[in-house]
Amino acid sequence: MSKYHVPVMLKECVEGLSINPSGTYIDVTFGGGGHSTEILKHLNSEGRLFGFDQDSDAKANAEKIQNRSFTFVQANFRHIKRYLKLYGVKQVDGILADLGISSHQIDEPSRGFSTRAEADLDMRMDMNSPLRAMDVVNDYSEEQLHKILGMYGEVKNAKTLAAAIVSERFAKPFRTTADLIQLLDKLAPRHREFKYYAQVFQAIRIEVNDEMGALEDFLMQSAEVLRPGGRLVVESYHSLEDRMVKNFIGKGKIFGEVDKDFFGNQLKPYAAVNRKPIVANDEELKTNKRARSAKLRIAERL
């Protein structure tokens, strides 16, 4: 499983859950099963763990776990409330989310996530989803492309790139990652090409998988299924995700200010356990480059 994906700050994530051995927990981003395997070590025969993941490759990893306390659910984490209800679970003691993309998805060339390997422009985490990266690049309007490139990828020349994509696709639609890289190479800042490619691919990937919408749905539902005193542990890898998580923990909503009751008391579901995000230590940074951008936030249900 470690070859599939090396969990970042594994010890800190599991400690953040403050596990009750008889409790019920959810790993909403199962992936290679690294977090789930560690959580199961802390549970007794009465404890339960649900692992969620929409990726069929993650399902194959889950089948390797032979533990009566573990249940795998092949679904997007935006549906946790619905699936927990199917299993007769109303409240849980802790939820862990390791956001973004797994190392396996990047390293598997055929998925189209990598900027370093030629493949179809796909980028779907759920291979049954109808929207692919090539659909975004070839069918979205110039205005839509400008918006997602700027918002999700923080691409500085997003407007210019959106116009270039629309112009280029008239002559020949984009089919592969190489087709897109060929255009990006003309617009990328010198000596920062790979970072530029990564920003553009990130923006398209987020749109294809509706990652921001799914995260918002998940955060809202987390507050409904966590029992008082339960822990929410979320690890994010780019500023958009971290900002959403920070806002929800601090204000109980993604946008706007915290609601208050008639007496001026704040109405929010969580209290932050760590005011500032936890980051990886120097030792981990040397062995896992993905840890460089990771930010870990922990909150307790009020």
C-alpha atoms as a PDB file:
ATOM      1  CA  MET A   1       0.000   0.000   0.000  1.00  0.00           C
ATOM      2  CA  SER A   2       2.931   2.333   0.677  1.00  0.00           C
ATOM      3  CA  LYS A   3       3.816   2.063  -3.023  1.00  0.00           C
ATOM      4  CA  TYR A   4       0.321   3.316  -3.890  1.00  0.00           C
ATOM      5  CA  HIS A   5       0.498   6.400  -1.697  1.00  0.00           C
ATOM      6  CA  VAL A   6       2.670   7.503   1.224  1.00  0.00           C
ATOM      7  CA  PRO A   7       0.457   9.277   3.798  1.00  0.00           C
ATOM      8  CA  VAL A   8       1.694  12.701   4.880  1.00  0.00           C
ATOM      9  CA  MET A   9       1.921  13.361   8.636  1.00  0.00           C
ATOM     10  CA  LEU A  10       0.408   9.953   9.392  1.00  0.00           C
ATOM     11  CA  LYS A  11       1.244  10.092  13.101  1.00  0.00           C
ATOM     12  CA  GLU A  12      -0.145  13.615  13.501  1.00  0.00           C
ATOM     13  CA  CYS A  13      -3.369  12.732  11.641  1.00  0.00           C
ATOM     14  CA  VAL A  14      -4.115   9.667  13.757  1.00  0.00           C
ATOM     15  CA  GLU A  15      -3.201  11.446  16.996  1.00  0.00           C
ATOM     16  CA  GLY A  16      -5.506  14.289  15.954  1.00  0.00           C
ATOM     17  CA  LEU A  17      -8.465  11.892  15.926  1.00  0.00           C
ATOM     18  CA  SER A  18      -7.927  11.188  19.651  1.00  0.00           C
ATOM     19  CA  ILE A  19      -9.213   7.671  19.046  1.00  0.00           C
ATOM     20  CA  ASN A  20     -11.614   5.897  21.391  1.00  0.00           C
ATOM     21  CA  PRO A  21     -10.898   2.152  20.825  1.00  0.00           C
ATOM     22  CA  SER A  22     -14.624   1.378  20.826  1.00  0.00           C
ATOM     23  CA  GLY A  23     -15.563   4.349  18.651  1.00  0.00           C
ATOM     24  CA  THR A  24     -16.705   4.714  15.049  1.00  0.00           C
ATOM     25  CA  TYR A  25     -14.466   6.525  12.548  1.00  0.00           C
ATOM     26  CA  ILE A  26     -14.428   7.466   8.875  1.00  0.00           C
ATOM     27  CA  ASP A  27     -11.447   7.734   6.550  1.00  0.00           C
ATOM     28  CA  VAL A  28     -13.160   9.615   3.739  1.00  0.00           C
ATOM     29  CA  THR A  29     -10.160   9.445   1.382  1.00  0.00           C
ATOM     30  CA  PHE A  30      -9.093   5.793   1.648  1.00  0.00           C
ATOM     31  CA  GLY A  31      -6.662   5.744  -1.301  1.00  0.00           C
ATOM     32  CA  GLY A  32      -3.908   3.251  -0.535  1.00  0.00           C
ATOM     33  CA  GLY A  33      -5.251   2.538   2.928  1.00  0.00           C
ATOM     34  CA  GLY A  34      -2.327   3.961   4.871  1.00  0.00           C
ATOM     35  CA  HIS A  35      -4.424   6.026   7.261  1.00  0.00           C
ATOM     36  CA  SER A  36      -7.077   3.321   7.637  1.00  0.00           C
ATOM     37  CA  THR A  37      -4.522   0.651   8.455  1.00  0.00           C
ATOM     38  CA  GLU A  38      -3.083   2.825  11.213  1.00  0.00           C
ATOM     39  CA  ILE A  39      -6.503   3.740  12.626  1.00  0.00           C
ATOM     40  CA  LEU A  40      -7.474   0.055  12.808  1.00  0.00           C
ATOM     41  CA  LYS A  41      -4.459  -0.585  15.065  1.00  0.00           C
ATOM     42  CA  HIS A  42      -6.093   1.670  17.668  1.00  0.00           C
ATOM     43  CA  LEU A  43      -9.558   0.054  17.571  1.00  0.00           C
ATOM     44  CA  ASN A  44     -10.810  -2.922  19.561  1.00  0.00           C
ATOM     45  CA  SER A  45     -13.415  -5.460  18.449  1.00  0.00           C
ATOM     46  CA  GLU A  46     -16.225  -2.983  19.165  1.00  0.00           C
ATOM     47  CA  GLY A  47     -14.689  -0.178  17.120  1.00  0.00           C
ATOM     48  CA  ARG A  48     -15.687   0.507  13.516  1.00  0.00           C
ATOM     49  CA  LEU A  49     -13.991   2.166  10.586  1.00  0.00           C
ATOM     50  CA  PHE A  50     -15.596   3.169   7.289  1.00  0.00           C
ATOM     51  CA  GLY A  51     -13.315   3.902   4.357  1.00  0.00           C
ATOM     52  CA  PHE A  52     -14.701   6.042   1.517  1.00  0.00           C
ATOM     53  CA  ASP A  53     -13.184   6.401  -1.953  1.00  0.00           C
ATOM     54  CA  GLN A  54     -14.683   6.792  -5.415  1.00  0.00           C
ATOM     55  CA  ASP A  55     -11.615   5.359  -7.194  1.00  0.00           C
ATOM     56  CA  SER A  56     -11.857   1.715  -8.307  1.00  0.00           C
ATOM     57  CA  ASP A  57      -8.119   1.259  -7.658  1.00  0.00           C
ATOM     58  CA  ALA A  58      -8.714   2.217  -4.025  1.00  0.00           C
ATOM     59  CA  LYS A  59     -11.397  -0.471  -3.837  1.00  0.00           C
ATOM     60  CA  ALA A  60      -8.801  -3.059  -4.844  1.00  0.00           C
ATOM     61  CA  ASN A  61      -6.586  -1.869  -1.978  1.00  0.00           C
ATOM     62  CA  ALA A  62      -9.486  -2.066   0.469  1.00  0.00           C
ATOM     63  CA  GLU A  63     -10.049  -5.724  -0.392  1.00  0.00           C
ATOM     64  CA  LYS A  64      -6.603  -6.471   1.075  1.00  0.00           C
ATOM     65  CA  ILE A  65      -7.736  -5.383   4.546  1.00  0.00           C
ATOM     66  CA  GLN A  66      -9.053  -8.394   6.412  1.00  0.00           C
ATOM     67  CA  ASN A  67     -10.557  -6.822   9.497  1.00  0.00           C
ATOM     68  CA  ARG A  68     -14.129  -7.227  10.750  1.00  0.00           C
ATOM     69  CA  SER A  69     -14.113  -3.637  12.026  1.00  0.00           C
ATOM     70  CA  PHE A  70     -13.534  -2.241   8.520  1.00  0.00           C
ATOM     71  CA  THR A  71     -16.126  -1.431   5.854  1.00  0.00           C
ATOM     72  CA  PHE A  72     -15.246   0.046   2.459  1.00  0.00           C
ATOM     73  CA  VAL A  73     -17.691   2.325   0.642  1.00  0.00           C
ATOM     74  CA  GLN A  74     -16.993   3.119  -3.007  1.00  0.00           C
ATOM     75  CA  ALA A  75     -18.396   6.628  -3.106  1.00  0.00           C
ATOM     76  CA  ASN A  76     -17.375  10.270  -3.109  1.00  0.00           C
ATOM     77  CA  PHE A  77     -17.030  11.719   0.389  1.00  0.00           C
ATOM     78  CA  ARG A  78     -19.695  14.282  -0.430  1.00  0.00           C
ATOM     79  CA  HIS A  79     -22.203  11.466   0.206  1.00  0.00           C
ATOM     80  CA  ILE A  80     -21.043  10.341   3.676  1.00  0.00           C
ATOM     81  CA  LYS A  81     -24.344  11.081   5.410  1.00  0.00           C
ATOM     82  CA  ARG A  82     -26.390   9.068   2.932  1.00  0.00           C
ATOM     83  CA  TYR A  83     -24.111   6.012   3.073  1.00  0.00           C
ATOM     84  CA  LEU A  84     -23.726   6.062   6.843  1.00  0.00           C
ATOM     85  CA  LYS A  85     -27.519   6.022   7.061  1.00  0.00           C
ATOM     86  CA  LEU A  86     -27.559   2.887   4.882  1.00  0.00           C
ATOM     87  CA  TYR A  87     -25.303   1.218   7.470  1.00  0.00           C
ATOM     88  CA  GLY A  88     -27.464   2.413  10.356  1.00  0.00           C
ATOM     89  CA  VAL A  89     -24.891   4.886  11.631  1.00  0.00           C
ATOM     90  CA  LYS A  90     -26.169   8.265  12.824  1.00  0.00           C
ATOM     91  CA  GLN A  91     -23.085   9.689  14.521  1.00  0.00           C
ATOM     92  CA  VAL A  92     -19.355   8.968  14.518  1.00  0.00           C
ATOM     93  CA  ASP A  93     -16.434   9.802  16.784  1.00  0.00           C
ATOM     94  CA  GLY A  94     -13.975  11.056  14.200  1.00  0.00           C
ATOM     95  CA  ILE A  95     -13.496  11.882  10.518  1.00  0.00           C
ATOM     96  CA  LEU A  96     -10.212  12.030   8.610  1.00  0.00           C
ATOM     97  CA  ALA A  97      -9.803  13.607   5.175  1.00  0.00           C
ATOM     98  CA  ASP A  98      -6.553  13.667   3.191  1.00  0.00           C
ATOM     99  CA  LEU A  99      -7.552  15.908   0.296  1.00  0.00           C
ATOM    100  CA  GLY A 100      -6.284  16.205  -3.255  1.00  0.00           C
ATOM    101  CA  ILE A 101      -4.797  13.553  -5.474  1.00  0.00           C
ATOM    102  CA  SER A 102      -2.979  10.366  -4.505  1.00  0.00           C
ATOM    103  CA  SER A 103       0.556   9.525  -5.585  1.00  0.00           C
ATOM    104  CA  HIS A 104      -0.797   6.502  -7.456  1.00  0.00           C
ATOM    105  CA  GLN A 105      -3.169   8.595  -9.541  1.00  0.00           C
ATOM    106  CA  ILE A 106      -0.300  10.878 -10.552  1.00  0.00           C
ATOM    107  CA  ASP A 107       2.091   8.000 -11.230  1.00  0.00           C
ATOM    108  CA  GLU A 108      -0.392   5.995 -13.326  1.00  0.00           C
ATOM    109  CA  PRO A 109       0.159   7.510 -16.822  1.00  0.00           C
ATOM    110  CA  SER A 110      -3.149   6.329 -18.291  1.00  0.00           C
ATOM    111  CA  ARG A 111      -5.156   8.473 -15.851  1.00  0.00           C
ATOM    112  CA  GLY A 112      -3.962  11.714 -17.464  1.00  0.00           C
ATOM    113  CA  PHE A 113      -3.057  13.472 -14.197  1.00  0.00           C
ATOM    114  CA  SER A 114       0.686  13.653 -14.836  1.00  0.00           C
ATOM    115  CA  THR A 115       2.395  16.437 -16.758  1.00  0.00           C
ATOM    116  CA  ARG A 116       5.348  14.124 -17.474  1.00  0.00           C
ATOM    117  CA  ALA A 117       3.633  11.276 -19.333  1.00  0.00           C
ATOM    118  CA  GLU A 118       1.538  11.269 -22.502  1.00  0.00           C
ATOM    119  CA  ALA A 119      -2.001   9.977 -22.044  1.00  0.00           C
ATOM    120  CA  ASP A 120      -5.577  10.855 -22.892  1.00  0.00           C
ATOM    121  CA  LEU A 121      -6.750  14.073 -21.222  1.00  0.00           C
ATOM    122  CA  ASP A 122      -8.901  12.321 -18.645  1.00  0.00           C
ATOM    123  CA  MET A 123      -8.187  13.266 -14.979  1.00  0.00           C
ATOM    124  CA  ARG A 124     -11.307  11.596 -13.578  1.00  0.00           C
ATOM    125  CA  MET A 125     -11.041  10.251 -10.045  1.00  0.00           C
ATOM    126  CA  ASP A 126     -14.311   8.405 -10.619  1.00  0.00           C
ATOM    127  CA  MET A 127     -13.925   6.632 -13.963  1.00  0.00           C
ATOM    128  CA  ASN A 128     -17.718   6.437 -14.296  1.00  0.00           C
ATOM    129  CA  SER A 129     -18.041  10.211 -14.306  1.00  0.00           C
ATOM    130  CA  PRO A 130     -18.991  11.649 -17.722  1.00  0.00           C
ATOM    131  CA  LEU A 131     -16.831  14.801 -17.622  1.00  0.00           C
ATOM    132  CA  ARG A 132     -13.195  14.426 -18.716  1.00  0.00           C
ATOM    133  CA  ALA A 133     -10.358  16.920 -18.944  1.00  0.00           C
ATOM    134  CA  MET A 134     -10.604  16.923 -22.749  1.00  0.00           C
ATOM    135  CA  ASP A 135     -14.254  17.979 -22.436  1.00  0.00           C
ATOM    136  CA  VAL A 136     -13.274  20.944 -20.278  1.00  0.00           C
ATOM    137  CA  VAL A 137     -10.475  22.030 -22.599  1.00  0.00           C
ATOM    138  CA  ASN A 138     -12.401  21.536 -25.841  1.00  0.00           C
ATOM    139  CA  ASP A 139     -15.939  22.553 -24.854  1.00  0.00           C
ATOM    140  CA  TYR A 140     -15.749  25.230 -22.148  1.00  0.00           C
ATOM    141  CA  SER A 141     -16.103  28.845 -23.214  1.00  0.00           C
ATOM    142  CA  GLU A 142     -13.172  31.237 -23.034  1.00  0.00           C
ATOM    143  CA  GLU A 143     -14.789  32.924 -20.022  1.00  0.00           C
ATOM    144  CA  GLN A 144     -15.227  29.616 -18.199  1.00  0.00           C
ATOM    145  CA  LEU A 145     -11.635  28.586 -18.883  1.00  0.00           C
ATOM    146  CA  HIS A 146     -10.348  31.959 -17.703  1.00  0.00           C
ATOM    147  CA  LYS A 147     -12.277  31.574 -14.462  1.00  0.00           C
ATOM    148  CA  ILE A 148     -11.164  28.049 -13.560  1.00  0.00           C
ATOM    149  CA  LEU A 149      -7.525  28.628 -14.550  1.00  0.00           C
ATOM    150  CA  GLY A 150      -7.350  31.740 -12.412  1.00  0.00           C
ATOM    151  CA  MET A 151      -9.390  30.467  -9.475  1.00  0.00           C
ATOM    152  CA  TYR A 152      -8.320  26.832  -9.218  1.00  0.00           C
ATOM    153  CA  GLY A 153      -4.799  27.043 -10.607  1.00  0.00           C
ATOM    154  CA  GLU A 154      -3.890  30.611  -9.701  1.00  0.00           C
ATOM    155  CA  VAL A 155      -2.440  30.886 -13.214  1.00  0.00           C
ATOM    156  CA  LYS A 156      -1.215  34.457 -13.653  1.00  0.00           C
ATOM    157  CA  ASN A 157      -1.796  34.654 -17.401  1.00  0.00           C
ATOM    158  CA  ALA A 158      -5.124  32.788 -17.193  1.00  0.00           C
ATOM    159  CA  LYS A 159      -6.896  35.153 -19.593  1.00  0.00           C
ATOM    160  CA  THR A 160      -4.186  34.813 -22.239  1.00  0.00           C
ATOM    161  CA  LEU A 161      -4.057  31.039 -21.843  1.00  0.00           C
ATOM    162  CA  ALA A 162      -7.842  30.683 -22.081  1.00  0.00           C
ATOM    163  CA  ALA A 163      -7.819  32.641 -25.355  1.00  0.00           C
ATOM    164  CA  ALA A 164      -4.942  30.523 -26.685  1.00  0.00           C
ATOM    165  CA  ILE A 165      -6.762  27.266 -25.860  1.00  0.00           C
ATOM    166  CA  VAL A 166      -9.913  28.399 -27.664  1.00  0.00           C
ATOM    167  CA  SER A 167      -7.906  29.542 -30.702  1.00  0.00           C
ATOM    168  CA  GLU A 168      -5.852  26.343 -30.863  1.00  0.00           C
ATOM    169  CA  ARG A 169      -8.781  23.931 -30.565  1.00  0.00           C
ATOM    170  CA  PHE A 170     -10.480  25.329 -33.680  1.00  0.00           C
ATOM    171  CA  ALA A 171      -7.716  23.820 -35.783  1.00  0.00           C
ATOM    172  CA  LYS A 172      -7.247  20.645 -33.752  1.00  0.00           C
ATOM    173  CA  PRO A 173      -9.057  19.487 -30.593  1.00  0.00           C
ATOM    174  CA  PHE A 174      -6.947  18.608 -27.564  1.00  0.00           C
ATOM    175  CA  ARG A 175      -6.880  14.840 -27.033  1.00  0.00           C
ATOM    176  CA  THR A 176      -3.779  14.068 -24.989  1.00  0.00           C
ATOM    177  CA  THR A 177      -1.708  15.603 -22.214  1.00  0.00           C
ATOM    178  CA  ALA A 178       1.056  16.133 -24.789  1.00  0.00           C
ATOM    179  CA  ASP A 179      -1.302  18.218 -26.946  1.00  0.00           C
ATOM    180  CA  LEU A 180      -1.935  20.534 -23.994  1.00  0.00           C
ATOM    181  CA  ILE A 181       1.706  20.672 -22.878  1.00  0.00           C
ATOM    182  CA  GLN A 182       2.701  21.692 -26.403  1.00  0.00           C
ATOM    183  CA  LEU A 183       0.530  24.794 -26.094  1.00  0.00           C
ATOM    184  CA  LEU A 184       1.499  25.500 -22.470  1.00  0.00           C
ATOM    185  CA  ASP A 185       5.166  25.442 -23.400  1.00  0.00           C
ATOM    186  CA  LYS A 186       4.641  28.551 -25.540  1.00  0.00           C
ATOM    187  CA  LEU A 187       3.138  30.521 -22.638  1.00  0.00           C
ATOM    188  CA  ALA A 188       5.004  29.180 -19.603  1.00  0.00           C
ATOM    189  CA  PRO A 189       7.454  31.458 -17.742  1.00  0.00           C
ATOM    190  CA  ARG A 190      11.015  30.463 -18.541  1.00  0.00           C
ATOM    191  CA  HIS A 191      12.661  28.179 -15.984  1.00  0.00           C
ATOM    192  CA  ARG A 192       9.287  27.715 -14.261  1.00  0.00           C
ATOM    193  CA  GLU A 193       7.661  25.538 -16.907  1.00  0.00           C
ATOM    194  CA  PHE A 194       6.899  22.519 -14.748  1.00  0.00           C
ATOM    195  CA  LYS A 195       5.275  24.600 -12.030  1.00  0.00           C
ATOM    196  CA  TYR A 196       3.139  26.286 -14.688  1.00  0.00           C
ATOM    197  CA  TYR A 197       2.109  22.938 -16.166  1.00  0.00           C
ATOM    198  CA  ALA A 198       1.197  21.701 -12.680  1.00  0.00           C
ATOM    199  CA  GLN A 199      -0.949  24.783 -11.978  1.00  0.00           C
ATOM    200  CA  VAL A 200      -2.903  24.343 -15.213  1.00  0.00           C
ATOM    201  CA  PHE A 201      -3.378  20.597 -14.705  1.00  0.00           C
ATOM    202  CA  GLN A 202      -4.498  21.230 -11.118  1.00  0.00           C
ATOM    203  CA  ALA A 203      -7.131  23.731 -12.265  1.00  0.00           C
ATOM    204  CA  ILE A 204      -8.555  21.354 -14.851  1.00  0.00           C
ATOM    205  CA  ARG A 205      -8.466  18.388 -12.436  1.00  0.00           C
ATOM    206  CA  ILE A 206     -10.379  20.344  -9.784  1.00  0.00           C
ATOM    207  CA  GLU A 207     -13.044  21.275 -12.335  1.00  0.00           C
ATOM    208  CA  VAL A 208     -13.357  17.749 -13.739  1.00  0.00           C
ATOM    209  CA  ASN A 209     -13.899  16.267 -10.272  1.00  0.00           C
ATOM    210  CA  ASP A 210     -15.837  19.208  -8.775  1.00  0.00           C
ATOM    211  CA  GLU A 211     -13.400  19.068  -5.872  1.00  0.00           C
ATOM    212  CA  MET A 212     -14.442  22.365  -4.319  1.00  0.00           C
ATOM    213  CA  GLY A 213     -18.142  21.486  -4.445  1.00  0.00           C
ATOM    214  CA  ALA A 214     -17.463  18.048  -2.986  1.00  0.00           C
ATOM    215  CA  LEU A 215     -15.357  19.557  -0.188  1.00  0.00           C
ATOM    216  CA  GLU A 216     -18.094  22.015   0.737  1.00  0.00           C
ATOM    217  CA  ASP A 217     -20.708  19.230   0.815  1.00  0.00           C
ATOM    218  CA  PHE A 218     -18.417  17.083   2.924  1.00  0.00           C
ATOM    219  CA  LEU A 219     -17.681  19.803   5.472  1.00  0.00           C
ATOM    220  CA  MET A 220     -21.361  20.596   5.922  1.00  0.00           C
ATOM    221  CA  GLN A 221     -22.222  16.920   6.437  1.00  0.00           C
ATOM    222  CA  SER A 222     -19.275  16.330   8.765  1.00  0.00           C
ATOM    223  CA  ALA A 223     -20.885  18.667  11.290  1.00  0.00           C
ATOM    224  CA  GLU A 224     -24.130  16.681  11.071  1.00  0.00           C
ATOM    225  CA  VAL A 225     -22.619  13.219  11.601  1.00  0.00           C
ATOM    226  CA  LEU A 226     -19.920  13.987  14.194  1.00  0.00           C
ATOM    227  CA  ARG A 227     -21.043  13.605  17.785  1.00  0.00           C
ATOM    228  CA  PRO A 228     -20.148  16.320  20.345  1.00  0.00           C
ATOM    229  CA  GLY A 229     -16.484  15.949  21.290  1.00  0.00           C
ATOM    230  CA  GLY A 230     -15.733  14.135  18.022  1.00  0.00           C
ATOM    231  CA  ARG A 231     -12.753  15.176  15.943  1.00  0.00           C
ATOM    232  CA  LEU A 232     -12.487  16.414  12.367  1.00  0.00           C
ATOM    233  CA  VAL A 233      -8.977  16.055  10.894  1.00  0.00           C
ATOM    234  CA  VAL A 234      -8.370  17.552   7.444  1.00  0.00           C
ATOM    235  CA  GLU A 235      -5.138  17.660   5.463  1.00  0.00           C
ATOM    236  CA  SER A 236      -5.035  19.967   2.439  1.00  0.00           C
ATOM    237  CA  TYR A 237      -2.456  20.705  -0.243  1.00  0.00           C
ATOM    238  CA  HIS A 238      -3.361  24.013  -1.822  1.00  0.00           C
ATOM    239  CA  SER A 239      -4.586  27.370  -0.569  1.00  0.00           C
ATOM    240  CA  LEU A 240      -8.153  27.070  -1.875  1.00  0.00           C
ATOM    241  CA  GLU A 241      -8.798  23.869   0.068  1.00  0.00           C
ATOM    242  CA  ASP A 242      -7.096  25.129   3.207  1.00  0.00           C
ATOM    243  CA  ARG A 243      -9.042  28.395   3.116  1.00  0.00           C
ATOM    244  CA  MET A 244     -12.350  26.536   2.874  1.00  0.00           C
ATOM    245  CA  VAL A 245     -11.449  24.238   5.763  1.00  0.00           C
ATOM    246  CA  LYS A 246     -10.193  27.129   7.897  1.00  0.00           C
ATOM    247  CA  ASN A 247     -13.346  29.173   7.249  1.00  0.00           C
ATOM    248  CA  PHE A 248     -15.674  26.295   8.033  1.00  0.00           C
ATOM    249  CA  ILE A 249     -13.912  25.451  11.279  1.00  0.00           C
ATOM    250  CA  GLY A 250     -13.758  29.085  12.343  1.00  0.00           C
ATOM    251  CA  LYS A 251     -17.158  30.301  11.139  1.00  0.00           C
ATOM    252  CA  GLY A 252     -19.327  27.277  10.401  1.00  0.00           C
ATOM    253  CA  LYS A 253     -19.598  28.299   6.752  1.00  0.00           C
ATOM    254  CA  ILE A 254     -17.384  28.530   3.678  1.00  0.00           C
ATOM    255  CA  PHE A 255     -18.155  32.177   2.919  1.00  0.00           C
ATOM    256  CA  GLY A 256     -19.259  35.119   5.047  1.00  0.00           C
ATOM    257  CA  GLU A 257     -19.125  35.804   8.750  1.00  0.00           C
ATOM    258  CA  VAL A 258     -20.137  33.536  11.600  1.00  0.00           C
ATOM    259  CA  ASP A 259     -23.837  33.539  12.493  1.00  0.00           C
ATOM    260  CA  LYS A 260     -24.899  34.640  15.991  1.00  0.00           C
ATOM    261  CA  ASP A 261     -27.965  34.043  18.086  1.00  0.00           C
ATOM    262  CA  PHE A 262     -30.166  36.738  19.714  1.00  0.00           C
ATOM    263  CA  PHE A 263     -27.699  37.093  22.588  1.00  0.00           C
ATOM    264  CA  GLY A 264     -24.641  37.452  20.375  1.00  0.00           C
ATOM    265  CA  ASN A 265     -23.338  33.916  20.901  1.00  0.00           C
ATOM    266  CA  GLN A 266     -21.555  32.441  17.896  1.00  0.00           C
ATOM    267  CA  LEU A 267     -23.400  29.642  16.116  1.00  0.00           C
ATOM    268  CA  LYS A 268     -20.763  27.329  14.733  1.00  0.00           C
ATOM    269  CA  PRO A 269     -20.260  23.562  14.963  1.00  0.00           C
ATOM    270  CA  TYR A 270     -16.523  23.394  15.592  1.00  0.00           C
ATOM    271  CA  ALA A 271     -13.752  24.683  17.814  1.00  0.00           C
ATOM    272  CA  ALA A 272     -10.254  24.642  16.367  1.00  0.00           C
ATOM    273  CA  VAL A 273      -7.839  22.363  18.215  1.00  0.00           C
ATOM    274  CA  ASN A 274      -4.828  23.940  16.494  1.00  0.00           C
ATOM    275  CA  ARG A 275      -5.053  27.664  15.684  1.00  0.00           C
ATOM    276  CA  LYS A 276      -2.344  27.437  13.048  1.00  0.00           C
ATOM    277  CA  PRO A 277      -2.078  24.547  10.581  1.00  0.00           C
ATOM    278  CA  ILE A 278       0.332  21.746  11.455  1.00  0.00           C
ATOM    279  CA  VAL A 279       3.067  21.202   8.859  1.00  0.00           C
ATOM    280  CA  ALA A 280       5.466  18.334   8.225  1.00  0.00           C
ATOM    281  CA  ASN A 281       8.773  18.227  10.092  1.00  0.00           C
ATOM    282  CA  ASP A 282      12.162  18.435   8.387  1.00  0.00           C
ATOM    283  CA  GLU A 283      12.702  14.676   8.509  1.00  0.00           C
ATOM    284  CA  GLU A 284       9.488  13.959   6.614  1.00  0.00           C
ATOM    285  CA  LEU A 285      10.164  16.730   4.110  1.00  0.00           C
ATOM    286  CA  LYS A 286      13.404  14.970   3.123  1.00  0.00           C
ATOM    287  CA  THR A 287      11.649  11.711   2.267  1.00  0.00           C
ATOM    288  CA  ASN A 288       8.261  12.820   0.945  1.00  0.00           C
ATOM    289  CA  LYS A 289       8.185  15.850  -1.339  1.00  0.00           C
ATOM    290  CA  ARG A 290       4.363  15.892  -1.284  1.00  0.00           C
ATOM    291  CA  ALA A 291       4.586  16.930   2.371  1.00  0.00           C
ATOM    292  CA  ARG A 292       5.943  20.358   1.433  1.00  0.00           C
ATOM    293  CA  SER A 293       2.536  21.861   0.706  1.00  0.00           C
ATOM    294  CA  ALA A 294       0.527  19.930   3.316  1.00  0.00           C
ATOM    295  CA  LYS A 295      -1.432  21.755   6.002  1.00  0.00           C
ATOM    296  CA  LEU A 296      -3.226  19.852   8.744  1.00  0.00           C
ATOM    297  CA  ARG A 297      -6.174  21.304  10.655  1.00  0.00           C
ATOM    298  CA  ILE A 298      -7.936  19.626  13.567  1.00  0.00           C
ATOM    299  CA  ALA A 299     -11.277  20.640  15.041  1.00  0.00           C
ATOM    300  CA  GLU A 300     -13.583  19.342  17.780  1.00  0.00           C
ATOM    301  CA  ARG A 301     -17.366  19.165  17.473  1.00  0.00           C
ATOM    302  CA  LEU A 302     -19.054  21.494  19.945  1.00  0.00           C
END
